[in-house]
Structures are given as C-alpha cells and as structure tokens.
Amino acid sequence: MTQNNAQPLYDTFARIGLRFTRGNGAWLISDNGERYLDFTSGIAVNALGHNHPKLVKAVEEQANKLWHVSNLFQSPEQEKVAERLCANSFADKVFFCNSGAEAIECAIKTARRYQYVSGHPERYEIITFEGAFHGRTLATLAAGGQQKYLEGFGPKAQGFIQVPFDDEKALRAAIGEKTAALLIEPIQGESGLRPVPTEFMQLLRRVCDENGLLFIVDEVQTGMGRTGKLFAYQWSNIEPDIMALAKGLGGGFPIGACLATKEAAKGMTPGTHGSTFGGNLLAMAAANAVLDVMLSDGFLDHVNAMANLFKQGLASIIDRFPDVVQSIRGIGLLTGLKCVVPNVELIAAMRDEKLLTVGAGNNVIRLLPPLIVTEDEIRDGLHRIEKAVQYVSNAHKQK
C-alpha cells in the first residue's frame, strides 16, 4: 500500500502502488507494460471488461452529437433505456442518477413519499439488515448501520432500523407504526458475499404485503447479469416494489438508476426529486450498449457456464489447501473465497501472480471477473489462484 500525504488527493484510499494505462477484455496493462488478469472489474463495474468495442462505439457516436441536455427537456435516450429496463424487470418507472448511493437515496425517498401520499406520513422508517452496505452518503451510511463507516460524522441520520440477518422474529418485532419499507441486498457484498436465502426473500415479500410496506432491493452490485440472471431478485421468484442499480449498468461509465412499480412511484411528482447529471446522454449511450450485449441470446448462459467452471476449479483448490481457503461464497460471477489465513495475505500473493482481486468482510476475497470472461481466462485465473494459495500455504508452514 502507498500513502503519500503530500499528494493532492484526499487520503481516503489506501491505494496499491499500481498504475494502469490500458485495458482489453479481462486484462489491464500497467504503465511498465505488465499484464494483469482483472478479476476486480472495477468492483463489479466493468461488466463487459475493458475497451469493449460496442461500448466504445456507442459512447463515441453520442459524444459527436450531444454530451448533456438538462432534464428540463424530453430525453428519448433516457426513455429508451428505461423502457428496456422495465421490459426486463418488475418495474414501470425509472429515475436515472449517477451512482449507487444516489440510487439508494432515490429508493428511500420513493418509499417515504409513497407512504406520505397514501395517507401515512408517519411511516418513514426503513428496516435494514445487519451486515448491509448501501453507500457512503450520510443517509445510506445510516441505512447500512455499520459503525466503522459512521464514526466521526456526527449523529446518525434518523429513520433506519437494523435487525439481524435472516431472523423472522426480530424482523416482525421491529415493524411498527412508523415503518415504511424493508431494504436488503440479495447478496451482502461488503459482508463477504452472503446470499439472502430464497425463503427469507420470499418472507420479506409476504411481510411487506401483510403490513402495507414497500420492498426495496439494493442491486447496485448484484444487478446486471453478475449472478447469472439479469437481476439477483429473480432467483427468488419474487418481485420487489423498488430496486436500485448502478455499477454494471454503464459498463464503466458512471450511472445509477432507481426502478419502481407505478404504484410505488406515485408520490414522485414534479419537483419532489431531481438530478443535474442524471440520465446524461453519454451514460445513456453506454447503458443502452450494455443492454444490447446482456440481452442478447446466450449471454447469461455464458455467465452461468463460466461461473460453474470457476467454482469447480476453486472447489478443487479448497480441497487441496484447506489450511488457506475453506469455502466458496456468492452466486454466479459474484464469487468469494472465505480464507483461513488473513485475506490480505492471499490478495497480495494473487497480485504477485498478476491477478487482481478485492477484499470483503468476514475474511473473504471477492473474485469478480468481467462477464465476458473466456474459458481460457477462467482457467488462467485458477492457475494463478492456485500458485498464490500454494505460496501462502508454504509460507505459513515455515513459520
């Protein structure tokens, strides 16, 4: 890690001493010409890898027309992307923004406003679940409820109640006259790729229906094909009322979106919400190109095939090195390795093998290949992982 207090950037990132200048597909090239297999994908952002020709062409073509037009005017480009998102999800309405945190903020406002216009202004509290991560704004930090992220930023924003993960009794006890909605990630990314059991997702839907609450899913990391379905909630055979998207939606271009049913969004009338840059034309071009690829025949089949191949290989490594890694987490190509040794040791060893990965909570390593990764690249990645695991195993045996 490098940390230079003399440099002009905020010191909020403990940055690794690597600088990348180019990328292609699943590969990044550093400023000294070294090639790295990128299994971070910008933390699940570069869903189509680097320098995808369709994405590049779409953004270039739009850049030669218009970059930005205010939301004061009609936007056929926004309408097209919104129509495609709605046609392939539960939703009827879409609000475009610039990030995952903004998408969650919009989801929170949509739920509160729904209760307000439905005659329940007292309903403003959102129930969330321990281990959640919903963003870095003051409201989304409060929604996540993790003290390590809240420390030093003053009083926690009101209106968020955390309950234990997968605990029906605690959930039902927390619901009161002020409750507006439930908010959950189908897979808790920062807490070590912990999937919400299907039965609990279905329970949440029932609880919302029984109590007049809205069900919000945070698919900022899990959405856009990452789990092998376009959206992770689809694995549970339920439909939410509101969903937050970002990361993979733009394939690397900053974009967020809040999707909702017509009923859930009925309170979001002119003047209740807005964004200067939300729905930017370059972002819409990128999102439309991403959807072209992801909605094409066989794309999600490929994601699932690569995920199965990857997990088979990881299982073999776990069998041979139980002193280093102990289990596989996640769904699809949102994959985690639960470590026995400190995960930072194995992340560093993988980086020495020119494989890029990212940490998560509960001593887990996130392995996030681009969704266009090939079978050869999966096998290459497994080879590098095995070499890193072997190195860490030997190092610990010598201690």
Protein backbone atom coordinates (compact mmCIF):
# COMPACT_ATOMS: atom_id res chain seq x y z
CA MET A 1 0.00 0.00 0.00
CA THR A 2 1.15 3.55 -0.67
CA GLN A 3 0.00 6.61 1.24
CA ASN A 4 1.63 9.92 0.32
CA ASN A 5 0.26 12.80 2.39
CA ALA A 6 1.94 15.29 0.04
CA GLN A 7 -0.16 14.28 -2.95
CA PRO A 8 -3.21 16.44 -3.78
CA LEU A 9 -5.92 13.77 -3.50
CA TYR A 10 -7.89 13.13 -0.32
CA ASP A 11 -6.21 10.38 1.71
CA THR A 12 -9.40 8.29 1.82
CA PHE A 13 -7.99 5.40 -0.23
CA ALA A 14 -5.02 3.23 0.78
CA ARG A 15 -4.05 2.84 -2.85
CA ILE A 16 -1.95 -0.03 -4.18
CA GLY A 17 1.22 1.04 -5.99
CA LEU A 18 -0.02 0.15 -9.47
CA ARG A 19 -0.90 2.45 -12.35
CA PHE A 20 -2.81 1.17 -15.34
CA THR A 21 -2.77 2.83 -18.73
CA ARG A 22 -4.72 0.46 -20.97
CA GLY A 23 -7.12 -2.43 -20.85
CA ASN A 24 -8.66 -5.00 -23.14
CA GLY A 25 -11.33 -7.51 -22.16
CA ALA A 26 -10.34 -9.13 -18.88
CA TRP A 27 -6.83 -7.63 -18.94
CA LEU A 28 -5.21 -4.47 -17.61
CA ILE A 29 -1.79 -3.21 -18.69
CA SER A 30 0.31 -1.20 -16.25
CA ASP A 31 2.50 1.78 -17.03
CA ASN A 32 5.53 -0.54 -17.15
CA GLY A 33 3.86 -2.87 -19.63
CA GLU A 34 2.91 -5.70 -17.24
CA ARG A 35 -0.34 -7.53 -17.96
CA TYR A 36 -2.75 -8.28 -15.11
CA LEU A 37 -5.80 -10.52 -15.24
CA ASP A 38 -8.50 -8.29 -13.80
CA PHE A 39 -10.85 -10.19 -11.51
CA THR A 40 -11.99 -6.99 -9.79
CA SER A 41 -13.81 -5.50 -12.79
CA GLY A 42 -13.67 -2.13 -11.06
CA ILE A 43 -15.55 -3.78 -8.16
CA ALA A 44 -18.26 -5.27 -10.39
CA VAL A 45 -18.44 -2.18 -12.64
CA ASN A 46 -16.67 -3.25 -15.85
CA ALA A 47 -19.20 -5.97 -16.57
CA LEU A 48 -18.18 -6.15 -20.24
CA GLY A 49 -14.49 -5.88 -19.48
CA HIS A 50 -12.22 -3.12 -20.74
CA ASN A 51 -12.43 -1.41 -24.11
CA HIS A 52 -15.49 -3.35 -25.28
CA PRO A 53 -15.95 -2.36 -28.94
CA LYS A 54 -19.73 -1.97 -28.76
CA LEU A 55 -19.49 0.22 -25.68
CA VAL A 56 -16.70 2.35 -27.14
CA LYS A 57 -18.57 2.84 -30.41
CA ALA A 58 -21.82 3.82 -28.68
CA VAL A 59 -20.17 6.44 -26.46
CA GLU A 60 -18.06 7.82 -29.33
CA GLU A 61 -21.12 8.21 -31.56
CA GLN A 62 -23.06 10.01 -28.83
CA ALA A 63 -20.07 12.22 -27.99
CA ASN A 64 -20.16 13.52 -31.54
CA LYS A 65 -23.83 14.53 -31.13
CA LEU A 66 -24.57 15.81 -27.61
CA TRP A 67 -22.97 15.24 -24.21
CA HIS A 68 -25.56 16.75 -21.91
CA VAL A 69 -29.03 18.26 -22.07
CA SER A 70 -30.88 19.32 -18.95
CA ASN A 71 -33.73 17.25 -17.57
CA LEU A 72 -35.86 20.32 -18.24
CA PHE A 73 -36.38 18.79 -21.68
CA GLN A 74 -37.58 15.50 -23.11
CA SER A 75 -34.97 12.75 -23.41
CA PRO A 76 -35.69 9.99 -25.95
CA GLU A 77 -32.37 8.40 -24.95
CA GLN A 78 -33.47 8.07 -21.32
CA GLU A 79 -36.86 6.79 -22.38
CA LYS A 80 -35.30 4.04 -24.49
CA VAL A 81 -33.08 2.72 -21.69
CA ALA A 82 -35.91 3.00 -19.17
CA GLU A 83 -38.29 1.09 -21.45
CA ARG A 84 -35.75 -1.74 -21.81
CA LEU A 85 -35.11 -1.93 -18.06
CA CYS A 86 -38.84 -2.03 -17.35
CA ALA A 87 -39.49 -4.62 -20.06
CA ASN A 88 -36.96 -6.94 -18.43
CA SER A 89 -37.89 -6.41 -14.78
CA PHE A 90 -40.84 -5.84 -12.46
CA ALA A 91 -40.71 -2.07 -12.91
CA ASP A 92 -42.87 0.54 -14.63
CA LYS A 93 -40.83 3.66 -13.83
CA VAL A 94 -37.13 4.60 -13.77
CA PHE A 95 -35.21 7.55 -12.32
CA PHE A 96 -31.63 7.96 -13.58
CA CYS A 97 -28.84 9.26 -11.39
CA ASN A 98 -25.05 8.92 -11.19
CA SER A 99 -24.14 6.33 -8.57
CA GLY A 100 -25.34 3.50 -6.40
CA ALA A 101 -25.65 5.71 -3.33
CA GLU A 102 -27.83 8.15 -5.28
CA ALA A 103 -29.98 5.26 -6.48
CA ILE A 104 -30.50 4.14 -2.87
CA GLU A 105 -31.28 7.72 -1.80
CA CYS A 106 -33.94 7.84 -4.52
CA ALA A 107 -35.33 4.48 -3.36
CA ILE A 108 -35.59 5.76 0.21
CA LYS A 109 -37.34 8.94 -0.91
CA THR A 110 -39.67 6.98 -3.18
CA ALA A 111 -40.74 4.72 -0.31
CA ARG A 112 -41.27 7.56 2.15
CA ARG A 113 -43.14 9.65 -0.40
CA TYR A 114 -45.37 6.67 -1.27
CA GLN A 115 -46.43 6.36 2.36
CA TYR A 116 -46.97 10.12 2.59
CA VAL A 117 -49.31 10.34 -0.41
CA SER A 118 -51.05 7.14 0.72
CA GLY A 119 -52.18 8.88 3.90
CA HIS A 120 -49.43 7.61 6.21
CA PRO A 121 -46.97 10.49 6.71
CA GLU A 122 -45.89 8.88 9.99
CA ARG A 123 -44.37 5.98 8.04
CA TYR A 124 -40.79 6.97 7.24
CA GLU A 125 -38.59 4.32 8.85
CA ILE A 126 -36.73 1.80 6.71
CA ILE A 127 -35.79 -1.58 8.18
CA THR A 128 -32.39 -2.84 7.03
CA PHE A 129 -30.25 -5.82 7.99
CA GLU A 130 -27.02 -6.19 9.93
CA GLY A 131 -24.02 -6.55 7.64
CA ALA A 132 -25.53 -4.34 4.95
CA PHE A 133 -23.68 -1.76 2.90
CA HIS A 134 -25.81 0.74 0.98
CA GLY A 135 -23.42 3.59 0.18
CA ARG A 136 -21.33 6.46 1.55
CA THR A 137 -23.76 9.35 1.84
CA LEU A 138 -24.99 10.21 5.32
CA ALA A 139 -28.37 8.59 4.69
CA THR A 140 -27.01 5.45 3.05
CA LEU A 141 -24.40 5.08 5.80
CA ALA A 142 -27.23 5.19 8.32
CA ALA A 143 -29.13 2.62 6.28
CA GLY A 144 -26.13 0.28 6.36
CA GLY A 145 -25.67 0.89 10.05
CA GLN A 146 -22.01 -0.18 10.22
CA GLN A 147 -20.31 1.77 12.98
CA LYS A 148 -16.88 1.75 11.31
CA TYR A 149 -18.29 3.84 8.46
CA LEU A 150 -20.44 6.11 10.68
CA GLU A 151 -17.71 7.08 13.15
CA GLY A 152 -16.81 10.74 13.21
CA PHE A 153 -19.62 12.03 11.00
CA GLY A 154 -21.94 13.28 13.70
CA PRO A 155 -25.37 11.98 14.65
CA LYS A 156 -26.62 9.08 12.59
CA ALA A 157 -29.40 10.08 10.21
CA GLN A 158 -32.76 9.09 11.63
CA GLY A 159 -35.24 6.69 10.14
CA PHE A 160 -33.28 3.45 9.83
CA ILE A 161 -33.70 0.36 11.98
CA GLN A 162 -31.24 -2.55 11.68
CA VAL A 163 -32.30 -6.10 12.52
CA PRO A 164 -30.30 -9.36 12.48
CA PHE A 165 -29.81 -11.08 9.14
CA ASP A 166 -32.29 -13.85 8.30
CA ASP A 167 -34.20 -13.51 11.58
CA GLU A 168 -38.00 -13.52 11.10
CA LYS A 169 -38.80 -13.00 14.76
CA ALA A 170 -36.59 -9.91 15.04
CA LEU A 171 -37.93 -8.55 11.77
CA ARG A 172 -41.57 -8.83 12.79
CA ALA A 173 -40.81 -7.32 16.20
CA ALA A 174 -39.19 -4.30 14.54
CA ILE A 175 -42.19 -3.43 12.37
CA GLY A 176 -44.24 -0.62 13.87
CA GLU A 177 -46.50 2.26 13.00
CA LYS A 178 -43.54 4.26 11.61
CA THR A 179 -42.28 1.52 9.26
CA ALA A 180 -42.37 2.43 5.56
CA ALA A 181 -40.28 -0.23 3.83
CA LEU A 182 -37.73 -3.03 4.03
CA LEU A 183 -34.35 -2.67 2.27
CA ILE A 184 -31.95 -5.54 1.55
CA GLU A 185 -29.13 -6.62 -0.77
CA PRO A 186 -29.92 -10.04 -2.30
CA ILE A 187 -26.25 -10.80 -1.63
CA GLN A 188 -24.41 -8.78 1.00
CA GLY A 189 -21.23 -7.82 -0.83
CA GLU A 190 -19.19 -6.00 1.79
CA SER A 191 -20.05 -8.62 4.40
CA GLY A 192 -18.40 -11.43 2.50
CA LEU A 193 -20.83 -12.24 -0.34
CA ARG A 194 -23.55 -13.58 1.95
CA PRO A 195 -26.65 -14.53 -0.09
CA VAL A 196 -30.07 -13.95 1.40
CA PRO A 197 -31.80 -17.37 1.49
CA THR A 198 -34.61 -17.71 -1.03
CA GLU A 199 -37.07 -18.48 1.75
CA PHE A 200 -36.17 -15.25 3.55
CA MET A 201 -36.52 -13.17 0.38
CA GLN A 202 -39.98 -14.66 -0.09
CA LEU A 203 -40.79 -13.98 3.55
CA LEU A 204 -39.81 -10.33 3.13
CA ARG A 205 -42.21 -10.02 0.21
CA ARG A 206 -45.04 -11.52 2.30
CA VAL A 207 -44.27 -9.34 5.30
CA CYS A 208 -44.42 -6.23 3.13
CA ASP A 209 -47.74 -7.29 1.64
CA GLU A 210 -49.18 -8.07 5.08
CA ASN A 211 -48.17 -4.70 6.54
CA GLY A 212 -48.57 -2.25 3.66
CA LEU A 213 -44.81 -1.80 3.31
CA LEU A 214 -42.64 -1.43 0.22
CA PHE A 215 -39.93 -3.97 -0.54
CA ILE A 216 -36.67 -2.38 -1.76
CA VAL A 217 -33.78 -4.42 -3.18
CA ASP A 218 -30.29 -2.97 -3.45
CA GLU A 219 -28.91 -4.49 -6.66
CA VAL A 220 -26.09 -2.00 -7.10
CA GLN A 221 -23.53 -4.84 -7.05
CA THR A 222 -25.71 -7.87 -7.79
CA GLY A 223 -27.63 -6.49 -10.76
CA MET A 224 -26.90 -6.50 -14.49
CA GLY A 225 -26.08 -10.16 -15.02
CA ARG A 226 -23.50 -10.54 -12.27
CA THR A 227 -25.27 -13.51 -10.62
CA GLY A 228 -26.28 -15.26 -13.84
CA LYS A 229 -29.70 -13.63 -14.06
CA LEU A 230 -30.20 -10.04 -15.14
CA PHE A 231 -31.22 -9.20 -11.55
CA ALA A 232 -30.47 -11.26 -8.46
CA TYR A 233 -34.00 -10.95 -7.04
CA GLN A 234 -35.14 -13.15 -9.94
CA TRP A 235 -33.51 -16.19 -8.30
CA SER A 236 -36.11 -15.97 -5.52
CA ASN A 237 -39.19 -15.87 -7.77
CA ILE A 238 -40.44 -12.68 -6.14
CA GLU A 239 -40.79 -9.09 -7.31
CA PRO A 240 -39.79 -6.03 -5.27
CA ASP A 241 -41.51 -2.66 -5.38
CA ILE A 242 -38.32 -0.63 -5.79
CA MET A 243 -34.79 -1.53 -6.95
CA ALA A 244 -31.50 0.38 -7.01
CA LEU A 245 -29.00 -0.23 -9.82
CA ALA A 246 -25.58 1.16 -10.72
CA LYS A 247 -22.10 -0.36 -11.26
CA GLY A 248 -22.50 -2.74 -14.23
CA LEU A 249 -25.36 -0.74 -15.79
CA GLY A 250 -22.91 1.62 -17.50
CA GLY A 251 -20.13 -0.89 -18.05
CA GLY A 252 -17.68 1.60 -16.54
CA PHE A 253 -19.49 4.85 -17.28
CA PRO A 254 -20.93 6.42 -14.09
CA ILE A 255 -24.67 5.80 -13.89
CA GLY A 256 -27.27 4.81 -11.34
CA ALA A 257 -30.96 4.05 -11.61
CA CYS A 258 -33.91 3.62 -9.29
CA LEU A 259 -36.64 1.37 -10.67
CA ALA A 260 -40.15 1.16 -9.23
CA THR A 261 -43.64 0.00 -9.92
CA LYS A 262 -46.12 2.68 -10.98
CA GLU A 263 -47.85 2.34 -7.61
CA ALA A 264 -44.63 2.67 -5.58
CA ALA A 265 -43.57 5.73 -7.59
CA LYS A 266 -46.93 7.51 -7.42
CA GLY A 267 -45.65 10.10 -4.97
CA MET A 268 -42.66 11.12 -7.11
CA THR A 269 -44.33 14.02 -8.86
CA PRO A 270 -42.67 17.10 -10.48
CA GLY A 271 -40.38 18.86 -8.03
CA THR A 272 -40.07 16.02 -5.50
CA HIS A 273 -36.68 14.81 -6.77
CA GLY A 274 -34.09 15.72 -9.36
CA SER A 275 -30.56 15.40 -10.68
CA THR A 276 -28.45 17.70 -12.83
CA PHE A 277 -26.41 14.94 -14.43
CA GLY A 278 -28.80 12.01 -14.00
CA GLY A 279 -29.61 10.49 -17.37
CA ASN A 280 -26.60 12.13 -19.04
CA LEU A 281 -26.58 11.28 -22.75
CA LEU A 282 -23.17 9.60 -22.70
CA ALA A 283 -24.32 7.46 -19.78
CA MET A 284 -27.49 6.53 -21.67
CA ALA A 285 -25.46 5.51 -24.71
CA ALA A 286 -23.29 3.31 -22.51
CA ALA A 287 -26.26 1.72 -20.73
CA ASN A 288 -28.05 1.04 -23.99
CA ALA A 289 -24.94 -0.69 -25.37
CA VAL A 290 -24.61 -2.76 -22.18
CA LEU A 291 -28.22 -3.86 -22.52
CA ASP A 292 -27.67 -4.77 -26.18
CA VAL A 293 -24.97 -7.20 -25.08
CA MET A 294 -26.59 -8.54 -21.92
CA LEU A 295 -29.99 -9.13 -23.50
CA SER A 296 -28.52 -10.97 -26.47
CA ASP A 297 -29.16 -14.70 -26.83
CA GLY A 298 -26.82 -16.83 -24.77
CA PHE A 299 -25.18 -14.06 -22.74
CA LEU A 300 -26.48 -15.15 -19.34
CA ASP A 301 -25.92 -18.80 -20.30
CA HIS A 302 -22.27 -17.89 -20.78
CA VAL A 303 -22.13 -16.19 -17.37
CA ASN A 304 -23.53 -19.29 -15.69
CA ALA A 305 -21.22 -21.63 -17.59
CA MET A 306 -18.15 -19.59 -16.61
CA ALA A 307 -19.37 -19.41 -13.00
CA ASN A 308 -19.75 -23.19 -12.82
CA LEU A 309 -16.30 -23.75 -14.32
CA PHE A 310 -14.78 -21.24 -11.93
CA LYS A 311 -16.40 -22.72 -8.84
CA GLN A 312 -15.40 -26.25 -9.80
CA GLY A 313 -11.81 -25.12 -10.01
CA LEU A 314 -12.00 -23.20 -6.75
CA ALA A 315 -13.51 -26.24 -5.01
CA SER A 316 -10.54 -28.31 -6.13
CA ILE A 317 -8.14 -25.72 -4.69
CA ILE A 318 -10.04 -25.71 -1.39
CA ASP A 319 -9.83 -29.50 -1.22
CA ARG A 320 -6.04 -29.38 -1.60
CA PHE A 321 -5.33 -26.35 0.58
CA PRO A 322 -7.78 -26.33 3.50
CA ASP A 323 -5.12 -24.55 5.55
CA VAL A 324 -5.52 -21.44 3.36
CA VAL A 325 -9.09 -21.35 1.99
CA GLN A 326 -12.20 -23.00 3.37
CA SER A 327 -15.33 -22.22 1.32
CA ILE A 328 -16.86 -20.53 -1.72
CA ARG A 329 -19.38 -17.72 -1.36
CA GLY A 330 -21.75 -15.93 -3.68
CA ILE A 331 -23.72 -16.68 -6.83
CA GLY A 332 -22.70 -16.55 -10.49
CA LEU A 333 -19.61 -14.45 -11.13
CA LEU A 334 -20.11 -12.65 -7.83
CA THR A 335 -17.75 -15.12 -6.23
CA GLY A 336 -15.99 -15.13 -2.89
CA LEU A 337 -13.32 -17.21 -1.21
CA LYS A 338 -13.56 -17.49 2.56
CA CYS A 339 -10.00 -17.58 3.82
CA VAL A 340 -8.37 -19.32 6.77
CA VAL A 341 -5.31 -17.06 6.62
CA PRO A 342 -5.77 -13.27 6.61
CA ASN A 343 -7.35 -12.44 3.27
CA VAL A 344 -4.92 -9.56 2.67
CA GLU A 345 -2.06 -12.08 2.51
CA LEU A 346 -3.73 -14.05 -0.23
CA ILE A 347 -4.82 -10.92 -2.13
CA ALA A 348 -1.18 -9.78 -2.16
CA ALA A 349 0.02 -13.21 -3.30
CA MET A 350 -2.53 -13.20 -6.12
CA ARG A 351 -1.38 -9.75 -7.15
CA ASP A 352 2.18 -11.07 -7.29
CA GLU A 353 0.81 -13.64 -9.76
CA LYS A 354 -0.61 -10.72 -11.80
CA LEU A 355 -4.20 -11.46 -10.76
CA LEU A 356 -6.27 -8.61 -9.34
CA THR A 357 -8.91 -9.31 -6.68
CA VAL A 358 -10.66 -7.31 -3.96
CA GLY A 359 -11.29 -7.90 -0.28
CA ALA A 360 -14.59 -8.13 1.56
CA GLY A 361 -15.72 -8.53 5.15
CA ASN A 362 -15.56 -11.74 7.17
CA ASN A 363 -12.11 -12.55 5.75
CA VAL A 364 -13.43 -13.10 2.22
CA ILE A 365 -11.82 -12.32 -1.13
CA ARG A 366 -14.11 -11.16 -3.91
CA LEU A 367 -13.39 -12.63 -7.35
CA LEU A 368 -15.29 -10.59 -9.93
CA PRO A 369 -14.27 -11.47 -13.49
CA PRO A 370 -15.89 -9.47 -16.27
CA LEU A 371 -18.98 -11.24 -17.53
CA ILE A 372 -17.39 -11.67 -20.96
CA VAL A 373 -14.50 -13.69 -19.47
CA THR A 374 -13.49 -16.70 -21.58
CA GLU A 375 -12.99 -20.31 -20.54
CA ASP A 376 -9.25 -19.96 -21.12
CA GLU A 377 -9.15 -16.86 -18.90
CA ILE A 378 -11.05 -18.67 -16.14
CA ARG A 379 -8.52 -21.50 -16.29
CA ASP A 380 -5.67 -18.99 -16.35
CA GLY A 381 -7.14 -17.28 -13.29
CA LEU A 382 -7.49 -20.58 -11.46
CA HIS A 383 -3.85 -21.37 -12.21
CA ARG A 384 -2.76 -18.04 -10.74
CA ILE A 385 -5.00 -18.52 -7.69
CA GLU A 386 -3.55 -21.97 -7.09
CA LYS A 387 0.01 -20.67 -7.29
CA ALA A 388 -0.82 -17.89 -4.83
CA VAL A 389 -2.52 -20.30 -2.43
CA GLN A 390 0.42 -22.68 -2.67
CA TYR A 391 2.82 -19.84 -1.85
CA VAL A 392 0.79 -18.72 1.19
CA SER A 393 0.44 -22.33 2.38
CA ASN A 394 4.21 -22.88 2.21
CA ALA A 395 4.90 -19.57 3.92
CA HIS A 396 2.66 -20.47 6.86
CA LYS A 397 4.17 -23.93 7.19
CA GLN A 398 7.62 -22.37 7.52
CA LYS A 399 6.58 -20.13 10.40
